[in-house]
């Protein structure tokens, strides 16, 4: 079988969530399950976290909330970061979703189309991505608070760099914008949780740390990816491997071709960089990552393996990301649809 196997350890995910919930102190820990649970399956992830005790979930767009609602049942709270977009009213209403309103326009839309439905507010504390800026917030603050938002939140731009001055600036801005309001507040995702109680407020939003990624260095790996070997050969001195002749053998090399590529989320920027593992032995990626195939150096092995490990205990999503010049989030959310997925601890 030339199909790779992606194993998702839901017990590890739940343990990571418990650790981040404990680190949140008295704040309630929600769970960010957007982008199909960071590429690992929103249904399975949300179901497991609900069983673990999570009661509040966050998605990016209303349509993602539909799947999560089916998974977690009618009582959980589901927030939509993207707010109330045109055409969302029926989806929000039918699935009990709470839009995090980002602008005066969204506030007006929600009051016009769903005046009886709950909502939250997202404030821009300096990231300039989503949320009401201080002047816009001042214009509608009294009207919003009269209606009683379920949550008032903002998002940190540099929480993965605890010493970055931007964190303190945003904390101060958020405090200023929420001073005197009577509503639950939220500022921190994984990085903010790890920076301590000043950033926790009432609700935290564990995300990448649940899935085994930095900046939660104590996280347990959640994704394990094993890729079959299709063929092996000996490549002589002066011969090349893969498209463009970008790798040429300077000594006789034993090369295996494995059954995955950029169509499966193994980012092409890893061409000629990075490794896979056979047991504890690293095997270098040779030449270009192509759509379905990658060449690897198995010269250090005394046999041709049936498969290799791309993600696991010896190589995390962040290690892989470092080879590709990206971040663990992109590695996880790029994982392809061709993998045979197996859920542990479902």
C-alpha atoms as a PDB file:
ATOM      1  CA  UNK A   1       0.000   0.000   0.000  1.00  0.00           C
ATOM      2  CA  UNK A   2       1.387   3.383  -1.046  1.00  0.00           C
ATOM      3  CA  UNK A   3      -0.877   5.369   1.251  1.00  0.00           C
ATOM      4  CA  UNK A   4       0.703   7.231   4.138  1.00  0.00           C
ATOM      5  CA  UNK A   5      -0.740   6.922   7.643  1.00  0.00           C
ATOM      6  CA  UNK A   6      -1.413  10.002   9.766  1.00  0.00           C
ATOM      7  CA  UNK A   7      -2.065   9.092  13.386  1.00  0.00           C
ATOM      8  CA  UNK A   8      -3.647  11.722  15.622  1.00  0.00           C
ATOM      9  CA  UNK A   9      -3.177  11.134  19.343  1.00  0.00           C
ATOM     10  CA  UNK A  10      -6.299  12.627  20.917  1.00  0.00           C
ATOM     11  CA  UNK A  11      -5.159  11.590  24.388  1.00  0.00           C
ATOM     12  CA  UNK A  12      -2.047  13.739  23.932  1.00  0.00           C
ATOM     13  CA  UNK A  13      -4.195  16.592  22.630  1.00  0.00           C
ATOM     14  CA  UNK A  14      -6.456  16.339  25.675  1.00  0.00           C
ATOM     15  CA  UNK A  15      -3.451  16.265  28.008  1.00  0.00           C
ATOM     16  CA  UNK A  16      -2.021  19.382  26.346  1.00  0.00           C
ATOM     17  CA  UNK A  17      -5.376  21.127  26.771  1.00  0.00           C
ATOM     18  CA  UNK A  18      -5.498  20.149  30.449  1.00  0.00           C
ATOM     19  CA  UNK A  19      -2.021  21.579  30.983  1.00  0.00           C
ATOM     20  CA  UNK A  20      -2.943  24.863  29.286  1.00  0.00           C
ATOM     21  CA  UNK A  21      -6.207  24.999  31.232  1.00  0.00           C
ATOM     22  CA  UNK A  22      -4.247  24.585  34.468  1.00  0.00           C
ATOM     23  CA  UNK A  23      -1.792  27.278  33.359  1.00  0.00           C
ATOM     24  CA  UNK A  24      -4.785  29.586  32.783  1.00  0.00           C
ATOM     25  CA  UNK A  25      -5.375  29.773  36.524  1.00  0.00           C
ATOM     26  CA  UNK A  26      -8.880  30.906  37.388  1.00  0.00           C
ATOM     27  CA  UNK A  27      -9.715  31.741  33.763  1.00  0.00           C
ATOM     28  CA  UNK A  28     -11.900  29.386  31.762  1.00  0.00           C
ATOM     29  CA  UNK A  29      -9.953  27.619  29.005  1.00  0.00           C
ATOM     30  CA  UNK A  30     -11.733  27.337  25.698  1.00  0.00           C
ATOM     31  CA  UNK A  31     -10.369  25.581  22.620  1.00  0.00           C
ATOM     32  CA  UNK A  32      -9.554  26.920  19.166  1.00  0.00           C
ATOM     33  CA  UNK A  33     -10.653  24.350  16.566  1.00  0.00           C
ATOM     34  CA  UNK A  34     -10.647  26.483  13.415  1.00  0.00           C
ATOM     35  CA  UNK A  35      -9.150  25.302  10.105  1.00  0.00           C
ATOM     36  CA  UNK A  36     -10.541  21.796  10.616  1.00  0.00           C
ATOM     37  CA  UNK A  37      -8.945  21.516  14.032  1.00  0.00           C
ATOM     38  CA  UNK A  38      -5.599  22.845  12.730  1.00  0.00           C
ATOM     39  CA  UNK A  39      -5.758  20.221   9.992  1.00  0.00           C
ATOM     40  CA  UNK A  40      -6.312  17.259  12.324  1.00  0.00           C
ATOM     41  CA  UNK A  41     -10.110  16.970  12.108  1.00  0.00           C
ATOM     42  CA  UNK A  42     -12.434  19.413  13.844  1.00  0.00           C
ATOM     43  CA  UNK A  43     -15.092  16.791  14.559  1.00  0.00           C
ATOM     44  CA  UNK A  44     -12.727  14.390  16.294  1.00  0.00           C
ATOM     45  CA  UNK A  45     -10.769  17.146  18.066  1.00  0.00           C
ATOM     46  CA  UNK A  46     -13.831  18.989  19.367  1.00  0.00           C
ATOM     47  CA  UNK A  47     -15.549  15.760  20.435  1.00  0.00           C
ATOM     48  CA  UNK A  48     -12.518  14.688  22.476  1.00  0.00           C
ATOM     49  CA  UNK A  49     -12.043  18.110  24.055  1.00  0.00           C
ATOM     50  CA  UNK A  50     -15.720  18.329  24.985  1.00  0.00           C
ATOM     51  CA  UNK A  51     -15.368  14.968  26.691  1.00  0.00           C
ATOM     52  CA  UNK A  52     -12.341  16.356  28.525  1.00  0.00           C
ATOM     53  CA  UNK A  53     -14.380  19.285  29.822  1.00  0.00           C
ATOM     54  CA  UNK A  54     -14.015  22.081  27.288  1.00  0.00           C
ATOM     55  CA  UNK A  55     -17.235  24.063  27.050  1.00  0.00           C
ATOM     56  CA  UNK A  56     -16.237  26.956  24.798  1.00  0.00           C
ATOM     57  CA  UNK A  57     -14.916  26.624  21.238  1.00  0.00           C
ATOM     58  CA  UNK A  58     -13.607  29.076  18.654  1.00  0.00           C
ATOM     59  CA  UNK A  59     -13.816  28.836  14.848  1.00  0.00           C
ATOM     60  CA  UNK A  60     -12.830  31.239  12.074  1.00  0.00           C
ATOM     61  CA  UNK A  61     -16.019  31.372   9.991  1.00  0.00           C
ATOM     62  CA  UNK A  62     -19.651  30.479  10.579  1.00  0.00           C
ATOM     63  CA  UNK A  63     -19.573  27.444   8.304  1.00  0.00           C
ATOM     64  CA  UNK A  64     -16.866  25.851  10.472  1.00  0.00           C
ATOM     65  CA  UNK A  65     -19.161  26.231  13.440  1.00  0.00           C
ATOM     66  CA  UNK A  66     -21.789  23.965  11.875  1.00  0.00           C
ATOM     67  CA  UNK A  67     -19.490  20.926  12.025  1.00  0.00           C
ATOM     68  CA  UNK A  68     -18.325  21.745  15.532  1.00  0.00           C
ATOM     69  CA  UNK A  69     -21.903  22.156  16.764  1.00  0.00           C
ATOM     70  CA  UNK A  70     -22.734  18.656  15.507  1.00  0.00           C
ATOM     71  CA  UNK A  71     -19.704  17.329  17.370  1.00  0.00           C
ATOM     72  CA  UNK A  72     -20.155  19.043  20.737  1.00  0.00           C
ATOM     73  CA  UNK A  73     -23.942  19.148  21.084  1.00  0.00           C
ATOM     74  CA  UNK A  74     -26.342  21.967  21.913  1.00  0.00           C
ATOM     75  CA  UNK A  75     -24.928  23.192  25.213  1.00  0.00           C
ATOM     76  CA  UNK A  76     -21.388  24.214  24.261  1.00  0.00           C
ATOM     77  CA  UNK A  77     -20.578  27.826  23.349  1.00  0.00           C
ATOM     78  CA  UNK A  78     -19.125  28.374  19.867  1.00  0.00           C
ATOM     79  CA  UNK A  79     -17.602  31.733  18.928  1.00  0.00           C
ATOM     80  CA  UNK A  80     -16.905  32.835  15.340  1.00  0.00           C
ATOM     81  CA  UNK A  81     -13.792  35.005  15.027  1.00  0.00           C
ATOM     82  CA  UNK A  82     -14.856  36.355  11.630  1.00  0.00           C
ATOM     83  CA  UNK A  83     -17.990  37.895  13.127  1.00  0.00           C
ATOM     84  CA  UNK A  84     -21.293  38.318  11.320  1.00  0.00           C
ATOM     85  CA  UNK A  85     -20.633  38.420   7.588  1.00  0.00           C
ATOM     86  CA  UNK A  86     -23.281  39.078   4.935  1.00  0.00           C
ATOM     87  CA  UNK A  87     -25.335  35.917   4.476  1.00  0.00           C
ATOM     88  CA  UNK A  88     -24.429  34.437   7.871  1.00  0.00           C
ATOM     89  CA  UNK A  89     -27.690  35.096   9.711  1.00  0.00           C
ATOM     90  CA  UNK A  90     -29.360  31.741   9.064  1.00  0.00           C
ATOM     91  CA  UNK A  91     -26.215  29.737   9.844  1.00  0.00           C
ATOM     92  CA  UNK A  92     -25.655  31.635  13.083  1.00  0.00           C
ATOM     93  CA  UNK A  93     -29.275  31.277  14.151  1.00  0.00           C
ATOM     94  CA  UNK A  94     -29.738  27.621  13.182  1.00  0.00           C
ATOM     95  CA  UNK A  95     -26.542  26.483  14.874  1.00  0.00           C
ATOM     96  CA  UNK A  96     -26.476  28.717  17.957  1.00  0.00           C
ATOM     97  CA  UNK A  97     -23.190  30.393  16.990  1.00  0.00           C
ATOM     98  CA  UNK A  98     -21.887  33.575  18.591  1.00  0.00           C
ATOM     99  CA  UNK A  99     -20.234  35.988  16.147  1.00  0.00           C
ATOM    100  CA  UNK A 100     -17.361  38.079  17.478  1.00  0.00           C
ATOM    101  CA  UNK A 101     -18.354  41.365  15.849  1.00  0.00           C
ATOM    102  CA  UNK A 102     -15.404  43.220  14.365  1.00  0.00           C
ATOM    103  CA  UNK A 103     -16.779  46.530  13.097  1.00  0.00           C
ATOM    104  CA  UNK A 104     -19.606  49.007  13.338  1.00  0.00           C
ATOM    105  CA  UNK A 105     -20.936  47.541  10.108  1.00  0.00           C
ATOM    106  CA  UNK A 106     -21.100  44.058  11.626  1.00  0.00           C
ATOM    107  CA  UNK A 107     -22.749  45.477  14.746  1.00  0.00           C
ATOM    108  CA  UNK A 108     -25.454  47.081  12.623  1.00  0.00           C
ATOM    109  CA  UNK A 109     -25.906  43.930  10.553  1.00  0.00           C
ATOM    110  CA  UNK A 110     -26.320  41.789  13.651  1.00  0.00           C
ATOM    111  CA  UNK A 111     -28.825  44.172  15.185  1.00  0.00           C
ATOM    112  CA  UNK A 112     -30.779  44.272  11.937  1.00  0.00           C
ATOM    113  CA  UNK A 113     -30.779  40.555  11.115  1.00  0.00           C
ATOM    114  CA  UNK A 114     -30.383  38.795  14.479  1.00  0.00           C
ATOM    115  CA  UNK A 115     -31.303  41.258  17.241  1.00  0.00           C
ATOM    116  CA  UNK A 116     -32.363  38.439  19.565  1.00  0.00           C
ATOM    117  CA  UNK A 117     -29.198  36.356  19.168  1.00  0.00           C
ATOM    118  CA  UNK A 118     -26.100  36.560  21.404  1.00  0.00           C
ATOM    119  CA  UNK A 119     -22.878  38.112  20.148  1.00  0.00           C
ATOM    120  CA  UNK A 120     -19.378  38.977  21.221  1.00  0.00           C
ATOM    121  CA  UNK A 121     -17.061  41.855  20.405  1.00  0.00           C
ATOM    122  CA  UNK A 122     -13.521  41.775  19.077  1.00  0.00           C
ATOM    123  CA  UNK A 123     -11.317  44.811  19.763  1.00  0.00           C
ATOM    124  CA  UNK A 124      -8.149  45.839  17.947  1.00  0.00           C
ATOM    125  CA  UNK A 125      -5.519  46.405  20.635  1.00  0.00           C
ATOM    126  CA  UNK A 126      -2.768  47.069  18.127  1.00  0.00           C
ATOM    127  CA  UNK A 127      -2.452  44.101  15.761  1.00  0.00           C
ATOM    128  CA  UNK A 128      -4.442  45.837  13.010  1.00  0.00           C
ATOM    129  CA  UNK A 129      -5.999  42.629  11.749  1.00  0.00           C
ATOM    130  CA  UNK A 130      -9.519  42.232  13.123  1.00  0.00           C
ATOM    131  CA  UNK A 131     -11.590  44.172  15.621  1.00  0.00           C
ATOM    132  CA  UNK A 132     -12.881  47.597  16.456  1.00  0.00           C
ATOM    133  CA  UNK A 133     -10.267  50.321  16.836  1.00  0.00           C
ATOM    134  CA  UNK A 134     -10.533  52.551  19.928  1.00  0.00           C
ATOM    135  CA  UNK A 135     -12.387  55.367  18.148  1.00  0.00           C
ATOM    136  CA  UNK A 136     -14.919  53.023  16.544  1.00  0.00           C
ATOM    137  CA  UNK A 137     -15.393  51.174  19.829  1.00  0.00           C
ATOM    138  CA  UNK A 138     -16.079  54.450  21.640  1.00  0.00           C
ATOM    139  CA  UNK A 139     -18.852  55.260  19.140  1.00  0.00           C
ATOM    140  CA  UNK A 140     -20.863  52.088  19.841  1.00  0.00           C
ATOM    141  CA  UNK A 141     -19.623  50.980  23.272  1.00  0.00           C
ATOM    142  CA  UNK A 142     -22.656  52.136  25.236  1.00  0.00           C
ATOM    143  CA  UNK A 143     -25.101  50.562  22.788  1.00  0.00           C
ATOM    144  CA  UNK A 144     -23.139  47.310  22.714  1.00  0.00           C
ATOM    145  CA  UNK A 145     -22.869  47.047  26.486  1.00  0.00           C
ATOM    146  CA  UNK A 146     -26.582  47.737  26.852  1.00  0.00           C
ATOM    147  CA  UNK A 147     -27.212  44.568  24.836  1.00  0.00           C
ATOM    148  CA  UNK A 148     -24.753  42.504  26.891  1.00  0.00           C
ATOM    149  CA  UNK A 149     -21.993  40.836  24.828  1.00  0.00           C
ATOM    150  CA  UNK A 150     -21.123  37.249  25.700  1.00  0.00           C
ATOM    151  CA  UNK A 151     -17.390  37.939  25.391  1.00  0.00           C
ATOM    152  CA  UNK A 152     -15.078  40.868  24.636  1.00  0.00           C
ATOM    153  CA  UNK A 153     -11.735  39.811  23.177  1.00  0.00           C
ATOM    154  CA  UNK A 154      -8.558  40.909  21.450  1.00  0.00           C
ATOM    155  CA  UNK A 155      -5.545  39.052  20.039  1.00  0.00           C
ATOM    156  CA  UNK A 156      -1.831  39.372  20.785  1.00  0.00           C
ATOM    157  CA  UNK A 157       0.530  39.856  17.847  1.00  0.00           C
ATOM    158  CA  UNK A 158       3.804  38.781  19.510  1.00  0.00           C
ATOM    159  CA  UNK A 159       2.858  36.328  22.259  1.00  0.00           C
ATOM    160  CA  UNK A 160       5.400  33.819  20.963  1.00  0.00           C
ATOM    161  CA  UNK A 161       8.068  36.391  21.953  1.00  0.00           C
ATOM    162  CA  UNK A 162       7.418  37.030  25.671  1.00  0.00           C
ATOM    163  CA  UNK A 163       9.925  39.881  25.895  1.00  0.00           C
ATOM    164  CA  UNK A 164       8.525  41.773  22.915  1.00  0.00           C
ATOM    165  CA  UNK A 165       7.372  45.248  23.999  1.00  0.00           C
ATOM    166  CA  UNK A 166       4.232  44.818  21.871  1.00  0.00           C
ATOM    167  CA  UNK A 167       2.766  42.463  24.475  1.00  0.00           C
ATOM    168  CA  UNK A 168       2.763  45.089  27.216  1.00  0.00           C
ATOM    169  CA  UNK A 169       1.433  47.706  24.810  1.00  0.00           C
ATOM    170  CA  UNK A 170      -1.486  45.519  23.797  1.00  0.00           C
ATOM    171  CA  UNK A 171      -2.219  44.536  27.377  1.00  0.00           C
ATOM    172  CA  UNK A 172      -2.455  48.203  28.342  1.00  0.00           C
ATOM    173  CA  UNK A 173      -4.594  49.021  25.312  1.00  0.00           C
ATOM    174  CA  UNK A 174      -6.967  46.153  26.048  1.00  0.00           C
ATOM    175  CA  UNK A 175      -7.295  47.199  29.675  1.00  0.00           C
ATOM    176  CA  UNK A 176      -8.044  50.761  28.598  1.00  0.00           C
ATOM    177  CA  UNK A 177     -10.669  49.677  26.053  1.00  0.00           C
ATOM    178  CA  UNK A 178     -12.421  47.337  28.483  1.00  0.00           C
ATOM    179  CA  UNK A 179     -12.196  49.420  31.647  1.00  0.00           C
ATOM    180  CA  UNK A 180     -15.462  49.367  33.555  1.00  0.00           C
ATOM    181  CA  UNK A 181     -17.321  46.944  31.299  1.00  0.00           C
ATOM    182  CA  UNK A 182     -19.345  44.109  32.754  1.00  0.00           C
ATOM    183  CA  UNK A 183     -18.628  41.231  30.364  1.00  0.00           C
ATOM    184  CA  UNK A 184     -16.171  38.315  30.247  1.00  0.00           C
ATOM    185  CA  UNK A 185     -12.861  39.281  28.636  1.00  0.00           C
ATOM    186  CA  UNK A 186     -10.302  37.298  26.640  1.00  0.00           C
ATOM    187  CA  UNK A 187      -6.858  38.292  25.370  1.00  0.00           C
ATOM    188  CA  UNK A 188      -4.675  35.184  25.327  1.00  0.00           C
ATOM    189  CA  UNK A 189      -4.178  32.186  23.107  1.00  0.00           C
ATOM    190  CA  UNK A 190      -1.370  29.705  23.868  1.00  0.00           C
ATOM    191  CA  UNK A 191       1.453  32.255  24.046  1.00  0.00           C
ATOM    192  CA  UNK A 192      -0.489  34.636  26.237  1.00  0.00           C
ATOM    193  CA  UNK A 193      -1.427  31.845  28.623  1.00  0.00           C
ATOM    194  CA  UNK A 194       2.246  31.061  29.112  1.00  0.00           C
ATOM    195  CA  UNK A 195       3.070  34.715  29.870  1.00  0.00           C
ATOM    196  CA  UNK A 196       1.132  34.580  33.122  1.00  0.00           C
ATOM    197  CA  UNK A 197      -1.906  35.828  34.978  1.00  0.00           C
ATOM    198  CA  UNK A 198      -1.826  39.447  33.805  1.00  0.00           C
ATOM    199  CA  UNK A 199      -2.817  38.223  30.341  1.00  0.00           C
ATOM    200  CA  UNK A 200      -5.469  35.667  31.317  1.00  0.00           C
ATOM    201  CA  UNK A 201      -8.569  37.739  32.159  1.00  0.00           C
ATOM    202  CA  UNK A 202     -11.735  35.563  32.205  1.00  0.00           C
ATOM    203  CA  UNK A 203     -11.335  33.257  29.194  1.00  0.00           C
ATOM    204  CA  UNK A 204      -8.244  31.879  27.450  1.00  0.00           C
ATOM    205  CA  UNK A 205      -8.091  30.357  23.977  1.00  0.00           C
ATOM    206  CA  UNK A 206      -5.643  27.419  23.771  1.00  0.00           C
ATOM    207  CA  UNK A 207      -4.728  26.762  20.147  1.00  0.00           C
ATOM    208  CA  UNK A 208      -1.393  25.608  18.697  1.00  0.00           C
ATOM    209  CA  UNK A 209      -0.161  24.355  22.075  1.00  0.00           C
ATOM    210  CA  UNK A 210      -2.986  21.815  22.213  1.00  0.00           C
ATOM    211  CA  UNK A 211      -1.820  20.404  18.897  1.00  0.00           C
ATOM    212  CA  UNK A 212       1.778  19.933  20.019  1.00  0.00           C
ATOM    213  CA  UNK A 213       3.301  23.187  18.757  1.00  0.00           C
ATOM    214  CA  UNK A 214       5.440  26.025  20.066  1.00  0.00           C
ATOM    215  CA  UNK A 215       5.525  28.175  22.094  1.00  0.00           C
ATOM    216  CA  UNK A 216       4.245  25.448  24.449  1.00  0.00           C
ATOM    217  CA  UNK A 217       7.566  23.628  24.741  1.00  0.00           C
ATOM    218  CA  UNK A 218       6.092  21.087  27.139  1.00  0.00           C
ATOM    219  CA  UNK A 219       3.467  19.937  24.663  1.00  0.00           C
ATOM    220  CA  UNK A 220       3.132  16.277  23.799  1.00  0.00           C
ATOM    221  CA  UNK A 221       3.293  15.458  20.060  1.00  0.00           C
ATOM    222  CA  UNK A 222      -0.173  14.939  18.605  1.00  0.00           C
ATOM    223  CA  UNK A 223       0.471  14.189  14.904  1.00  0.00           C
ATOM    224  CA  UNK A 224       2.453  11.138  13.762  1.00  0.00           C
ATOM    225  CA  UNK A 225       3.039  10.657  10.037  1.00  0.00           C
ATOM    226  CA  UNK A 226       4.464   7.488   8.500  1.00  0.00           C
ATOM    227  CA  UNK A 227       5.185   7.342   4.766  1.00  0.00           C
ATOM    228  CA  UNK A 228       5.679   4.112   2.749  1.00  0.00           C
ATOM    229  CA  UNK A 229       8.823   3.415   0.741  1.00  0.00           C
ATOM    230  CA  UNK A 230       7.973   2.572  -2.875  1.00  0.00           C
ATOM    231  CA  UNK A 231      11.404   1.750  -4.257  1.00  0.00           C
ATOM    232  CA  UNK A 232      15.111   1.853  -3.415  1.00  0.00           C
ATOM    233  CA  UNK A 233      18.180   2.013  -5.649  1.00  0.00           C
ATOM    234  CA  UNK A 234      21.870   2.697  -5.583  1.00  0.00           C
ATOM    235  CA  UNK A 235      22.837   6.025  -7.140  1.00  0.00           C
ATOM    236  CA  UNK A 236      26.373   6.254  -8.499  1.00  0.00           C
ATOM    237  CA  UNK A 237      28.830   9.136  -8.272  1.00  0.00           C
ATOM    238  CA  UNK A 238      27.747  11.946 -10.587  1.00  0.00           C
ATOM    239  CA  UNK A 239      24.143  10.766 -10.884  1.00  0.00           C
ATOM    240  CA  UNK A 240      21.280  12.989  -9.730  1.00  0.00           C
ATOM    241  CA  UNK A 241      17.982  12.543  -7.894  1.00  0.00           C
ATOM    242  CA  UNK A 242      14.696  14.273  -8.722  1.00  0.00           C
ATOM    243  CA  UNK A 243      13.650  17.200 -10.886  1.00  0.00           C
ATOM    244  CA  UNK A 244      16.223  19.733 -11.998  1.00  0.00           C
ATOM    245  CA  UNK A 245      19.295  17.681 -11.002  1.00  0.00           C
ATOM    246  CA  UNK A 246      19.503  19.759  -7.821  1.00  0.00           C
ATOM    247  CA  UNK A 247      21.164  16.921  -5.882  1.00  0.00           C
ATOM    248  CA  UNK A 248      24.096  15.050  -7.356  1.00  0.00           C
ATOM    249  CA  UNK A 249      25.830  12.132  -5.636  1.00  0.00           C
ATOM    250  CA  UNK A 250      29.431  12.761  -4.589  1.00  0.00           C
ATOM    251  CA  UNK A 251      29.678   9.172  -3.398  1.00  0.00           C
ATOM    252  CA  UNK A 252      27.697   6.008  -4.037  1.00  0.00           C
ATOM    253  CA  UNK A 253      24.400   6.537  -2.217  1.00  0.00           C
ATOM    254  CA  UNK A 254      21.501   4.275  -1.386  1.00  0.00           C
ATOM    255  CA  UNK A 255      18.312   6.226  -2.190  1.00  0.00           C
ATOM    256  CA  UNK A 256      14.686   5.369  -1.352  1.00  0.00           C
ATOM    257  CA  UNK A 257      11.635   6.992  -2.917  1.00  0.00           C
ATOM    258  CA  UNK A 258       8.800   7.621  -0.477  1.00  0.00           C
ATOM    259  CA  UNK A 259       5.114   8.015  -1.329  1.00  0.00           C
ATOM    260  CA  UNK A 260       4.301  11.614  -0.382  1.00  0.00           C
ATOM    261  CA  UNK A 261       5.017  15.106  -1.633  1.00  0.00           C
ATOM    262  CA  UNK A 262       3.749  18.648  -1.740  1.00  0.00           C
ATOM    263  CA  UNK A 263       0.250  17.437  -2.653  1.00  0.00           C
ATOM    264  CA  UNK A 264       0.234  15.903   0.822  1.00  0.00           C
ATOM    265  CA  UNK A 265       1.414  19.051   2.587  1.00  0.00           C
ATOM    266  CA  UNK A 266       5.131  18.302   2.636  1.00  0.00           C
ATOM    267  CA  UNK A 267       6.089  21.799   1.671  1.00  0.00           C
ATOM    268  CA  UNK A 268       8.316  22.158  -1.393  1.00  0.00           C
ATOM    269  CA  UNK A 269      10.570  24.581   0.475  1.00  0.00           C
ATOM    270  CA  UNK A 270      11.969  21.507   2.254  1.00  0.00           C
ATOM    271  CA  UNK A 271      13.624  20.406  -0.982  1.00  0.00           C
ATOM    272  CA  UNK A 272      17.172  19.387  -0.173  1.00  0.00           C
ATOM    273  CA  UNK A 273      16.561  20.135   3.507  1.00  0.00           C
ATOM    274  CA  UNK A 274      15.242  18.255   6.452  1.00  0.00           C
ATOM    275  CA  UNK A 275      14.973  14.604   7.313  1.00  0.00           C
ATOM    276  CA  UNK A 276      12.757  11.636   7.903  1.00  0.00           C
ATOM    277  CA  UNK A 277      13.489   8.901  10.436  1.00  0.00           C
ATOM    278  CA  UNK A 278      13.739   5.131  10.432  1.00  0.00           C
ATOM    279  CA  UNK A 279      13.733   4.261  14.098  1.00  0.00           C
ATOM    280  CA  UNK A 280      16.356   6.595  15.552  1.00  0.00           C
ATOM    281  CA  UNK A 281      18.285   6.982  12.291  1.00  0.00           C
ATOM    282  CA  UNK A 282      17.810  10.261  10.390  1.00  0.00           C
ATOM    283  CA  UNK A 283      17.636  10.055   6.591  1.00  0.00           C
ATOM    284  CA  UNK A 284      18.186  13.260   4.627  1.00  0.00           C
ATOM    285  CA  UNK A 285      15.747  14.517   1.999  1.00  0.00           C
ATOM    286  CA  UNK A 286      17.542  14.572  -1.368  1.00  0.00           C
ATOM    287  CA  UNK A 287      16.709  16.921  -4.227  1.00  0.00           C
ATOM    288  CA  UNK A 288      13.320  18.454  -4.841  1.00  0.00           C
ATOM    289  CA  UNK A 289      10.085  17.527  -3.125  1.00  0.00           C
ATOM    290  CA  UNK A 290       7.735  16.673  -5.981  1.00  0.00           C
ATOM    291  CA  UNK A 291       3.957  16.332  -6.000  1.00  0.00           C
ATOM    292  CA  UNK A 292       3.770  12.709  -4.850  1.00  0.00           C
ATOM    293  CA  UNK A 293       7.337  11.546  -4.254  1.00  0.00           C
ATOM    294  CA  UNK A 294      10.507  12.405  -2.313  1.00  0.00           C
ATOM    295  CA  UNK A 295      13.972  10.892  -2.448  1.00  0.00           C
ATOM    296  CA  UNK A 296      15.760  10.150   0.820  1.00  0.00           C
ATOM    297  CA  UNK A 297      19.231   8.904   1.718  1.00  0.00           C
ATOM    298  CA  UNK A 298      19.111   5.463   3.381  1.00  0.00           C
ATOM    299  CA  UNK A 299      22.841   4.772   3.120  1.00  0.00           C
ATOM    300  CA  UNK A 300      23.183   4.551   6.916  1.00  0.00           C
ATOM    301  CA  UNK A 301      20.651   1.719   7.118  1.00  0.00           C
ATOM    302  CA  UNK A 302      21.456  -1.957   6.715  1.00  0.00           C
ATOM    303  CA  UNK A 303      18.100  -2.643   5.082  1.00  0.00           C
ATOM    304  CA  UNK A 304      15.406  -1.050   2.937  1.00  0.00           C
ATOM    305  CA  UNK A 305      12.605   0.054   5.296  1.00  0.00           C
ATOM    306  CA  UNK A 306       8.938  -0.425   4.518  1.00  0.00           C
ATOM    307  CA  UNK A 307       8.159   3.080   5.743  1.00  0.00           C
ATOM    308  CA  UNK A 308       9.721   6.190   7.275  1.00  0.00           C
ATOM    309  CA  UNK A 309       8.529   8.627   9.934  1.00  0.00           C
ATOM    310  CA  UNK A 310       8.061  12.270   8.968  1.00  0.00           C
ATOM    311  CA  UNK A 311       6.331  13.492  12.150  1.00  0.00           C
ATOM    312  CA  UNK A 312       6.651  11.913  15.561  1.00  0.00           C
ATOM    313  CA  UNK A 313       8.643  11.851  18.775  1.00  0.00           C
ATOM    314  CA  UNK A 314      11.967  12.555  17.055  1.00  0.00           C
ATOM    315  CA  UNK A 315      10.713  15.251  14.699  1.00  0.00           C
ATOM    316  CA  UNK A 316       7.982  17.681  15.710  1.00  0.00           C
ATOM    317  CA  UNK A 317       5.915  19.982  13.524  1.00  0.00           C
ATOM    318  CA  UNK A 318       8.175  22.860  14.551  1.00  0.00           C
ATOM    319  CA  UNK A 319      11.331  20.985  13.577  1.00  0.00           C
ATOM    320  CA  UNK A 320       9.843  20.325  10.152  1.00  0.00           C
ATOM    321  CA  UNK A 321       8.759  23.959   9.940  1.00  0.00           C
ATOM    322  CA  UNK A 322      12.299  25.134  10.614  1.00  0.00           C
ATOM    323  CA  UNK A 323      13.546  23.242   7.559  1.00  0.00           C
ATOM    324  CA  UNK A 324      10.828  24.793   5.415  1.00  0.00           C
ATOM    325  CA  UNK A 325      11.306  28.322   6.735  1.00  0.00           C
ATOM    326  CA  UNK A 326       7.777  28.463   8.134  1.00  0.00           C
ATOM    327  CA  UNK A 327       5.838  27.745  11.346  1.00  0.00           C
ATOM    328  CA  UNK A 328       4.259  24.644  12.846  1.00  0.00           C
ATOM    329  CA  UNK A 329       0.765  26.003  12.149  1.00  0.00           C
ATOM    330  CA  UNK A 330       1.392  25.799   8.399  1.00  0.00           C
ATOM    331  CA  UNK A 331       2.788  22.274   8.601  1.00  0.00           C
ATOM    332  CA  UNK A 332      -0.293  21.022  10.470  1.00  0.00           C
ATOM    333  CA  UNK A 333      -2.911  22.835   8.396  1.00  0.00           C
ATOM    334  CA  UNK A 334      -1.249  21.724   5.145  1.00  0.00           C
ATOM    335  CA  UNK A 335      -1.513  18.009   5.896  1.00  0.00           C
ATOM    336  CA  UNK A 336      -3.251  16.498   2.881  1.00  0.00           C
ATOM    337  CA  UNK A 337      -6.444  14.569   2.311  1.00  0.00           C
ATOM    338  CA  UNK A 338      -4.779  11.448   0.920  1.00  0.00           C
ATOM    339  CA  UNK A 339      -3.513  10.221   4.262  1.00  0.00           C
ATOM    340  CA  UNK A 340      -5.175   7.302   5.981  1.00  0.00           C
ATOM    341  CA  UNK A 341      -6.151   8.916   9.266  1.00  0.00           C
ATOM    342  CA  UNK A 342      -6.200   6.952  12.489  1.00  0.00           C
ATOM    343  CA  UNK A 343      -7.413   8.507  15.754  1.00  0.00           C
ATOM    344  CA  UNK A 344      -5.971   7.286  19.030  1.00  0.00           C
ATOM    345  CA  UNK A 345      -8.053   7.870  22.134  1.00  0.00           C
ATOM    346  CA  UNK A 346     -11.239   8.792  20.264  1.00  0.00           C
END
